[in-house]
Amino acid sequence: MSLNYSIIGVRLKKARINKKITQQQLAEMLNVSVPYISRIECASTNLSLKRLSEICALLDVSEGEILQGALSESPSYLTAAFSDLFQNCPSEKMDLIYKIAKVIIEN
């Protein structure tokens, strides 16, 4: 089983922005570097569950909210990510994405 750190990073970034905290501020709270926070959000580094718990506590989100659907074998894998993606997507682009996805799935 593997986690999709890209989804985790996107969700952590969204939670940080919703909390109106900069990467610099979060790094200072955790006593880590700003590039480390950036690497977590961009999924170019993995983070431990301990560090995830620390970040979640600072951002007032649950670990479950961040991890939900991030396990590649999970039935809900990427569901929330697609939902977030489509939230501000124009209908003509959603139609195009649907057609592309349909071709990929059917072939």
Protein backbone atom coordinates (compact mmCIF):
# COMPACT_ATOMS: atom_id res chain seq x y z
CA MET A 1 0.00 0.00 0.00
CA SER A 2 1.27 3.44 -0.83
CA LEU A 3 0.13 6.94 -0.01
CA ASN A 4 -0.25 9.60 -2.64
CA TYR A 5 1.87 12.36 -1.14
CA SER A 6 0.74 14.72 -3.88
CA ILE A 7 -2.83 14.63 -2.57
CA ILE A 8 -1.59 15.02 1.00
CA GLY A 9 0.52 18.03 -0.01
CA VAL A 10 -2.34 19.72 -1.83
CA ARG A 11 -4.66 19.24 1.14
CA LEU A 12 -2.09 20.53 3.61
CA LYS A 13 -1.48 23.59 1.44
CA LYS A 14 -5.21 24.24 1.18
CA ALA A 15 -5.59 23.93 4.96
CA ARG A 16 -2.64 26.27 5.51
CA ILE A 17 -4.06 28.89 3.15
CA ASN A 18 -7.53 28.58 4.71
CA LYS A 19 -5.91 29.24 8.10
CA LYS A 20 -4.15 32.28 6.57
CA ILE A 21 -0.71 30.96 7.52
CA THR A 22 2.28 31.42 5.24
CA GLN A 23 4.88 28.75 4.60
CA GLN A 24 7.31 30.92 6.55
CA GLN A 25 5.01 31.06 9.57
CA LEU A 26 4.32 27.33 9.50
CA ALA A 27 8.04 26.59 9.18
CA GLU A 28 8.75 28.76 12.22
CA MET A 29 6.02 27.04 14.25
CA LEU A 30 7.51 23.63 13.40
CA ASN A 31 11.14 24.77 13.66
CA VAL A 32 11.86 23.58 10.11
CA SER A 33 12.93 25.34 6.92
CA VAL A 34 10.57 26.98 4.43
CA PRO A 35 11.91 24.74 1.62
CA TYR A 36 10.91 21.70 3.71
CA ILE A 37 7.31 22.97 3.91
CA SER A 38 7.38 23.62 0.17
CA ARG A 39 8.67 20.10 -0.52
CA ILE A 40 5.86 18.63 1.58
CA GLU A 41 3.24 20.65 -0.30
CA CYS A 42 4.78 19.74 -3.68
CA ALA A 43 5.16 16.08 -2.70
CA SER A 44 8.88 16.04 -3.36
CA THR A 45 9.48 14.70 0.14
CA ASN A 46 7.59 12.28 2.35
CA LEU A 47 6.60 13.18 5.87
CA SER A 48 6.27 11.01 8.93
CA LEU A 49 2.96 10.47 10.70
CA LYS A 50 4.40 12.35 13.68
CA ARG A 51 5.14 15.39 11.51
CA LEU A 52 1.74 15.10 9.82
CA SER A 53 0.08 15.13 13.25
CA GLU A 54 2.06 18.23 14.26
CA ILE A 55 1.09 20.06 11.08
CA CYS A 56 -2.56 19.03 11.36
CA ALA A 57 -2.71 20.28 14.95
CA LEU A 58 -1.34 23.67 13.90
CA LEU A 59 -3.76 23.91 10.97
CA ASP A 60 -6.78 22.68 12.96
CA VAL A 61 -7.52 19.80 10.58
CA SER A 62 -7.69 16.10 11.34
CA GLU A 63 -5.22 13.60 10.00
CA GLY A 64 -8.20 11.69 8.63
CA GLU A 65 -9.30 14.69 6.58
CA ILE A 66 -5.82 14.95 5.05
CA LEU A 67 -5.36 11.21 4.50
CA GLN A 68 -8.92 10.32 3.35
CA GLY A 69 -8.65 8.79 -0.09
CA ALA A 70 -4.87 9.27 -0.26
CA LEU A 71 -4.23 5.53 -0.13
CA SER A 72 -3.97 4.39 -3.73
CA GLU A 73 -5.87 1.16 -3.00
CA SER A 74 -8.75 3.05 -1.36
CA PRO A 75 -12.13 3.00 -3.15
CA SER A 76 -12.37 6.78 -2.71
CA TYR A 77 -8.87 7.40 -4.06
CA LEU A 78 -8.78 10.82 -5.76
CA THR A 79 -12.53 11.41 -5.36
CA ALA A 80 -12.03 14.46 -3.14
CA ALA A 81 -9.17 15.70 -5.31
CA PHE A 82 -11.34 15.55 -8.44
CA SER A 83 -14.18 17.22 -6.59
CA ASP A 84 -11.90 20.10 -5.54
CA LEU A 85 -10.50 20.35 -9.06
CA PHE A 86 -13.93 20.61 -10.66
CA GLN A 87 -15.26 23.11 -8.16
CA ASN A 88 -14.06 26.13 -10.16
CA CYS A 89 -13.77 24.47 -13.55
CA PRO A 90 -15.83 25.94 -16.42
CA SER A 91 -18.41 23.53 -17.84
CA GLU A 92 -16.78 23.35 -21.29
CA LYS A 93 -13.52 22.20 -19.70
CA MET A 94 -15.34 19.67 -17.51
CA ASP A 95 -16.98 18.28 -20.64
CA LEU A 96 -13.59 17.94 -22.32
CA ILE A 97 -12.09 16.24 -19.24
CA TYR A 98 -15.03 13.84 -19.14
CA LYS A 99 -14.59 12.91 -22.81
CA ILE A 100 -10.85 12.34 -22.36
CA ALA A 101 -11.39 10.24 -19.23
CA LYS A 102 -14.07 8.18 -20.98
CA VAL A 103 -11.71 7.38 -23.88
CA ILE A 104 -8.95 6.39 -21.47
CA ILE A 105 -11.23 4.15 -19.41
CA GLU A 106 -12.89 2.47 -22.38
CA ASN A 107 -9.60 1.63 -24.15
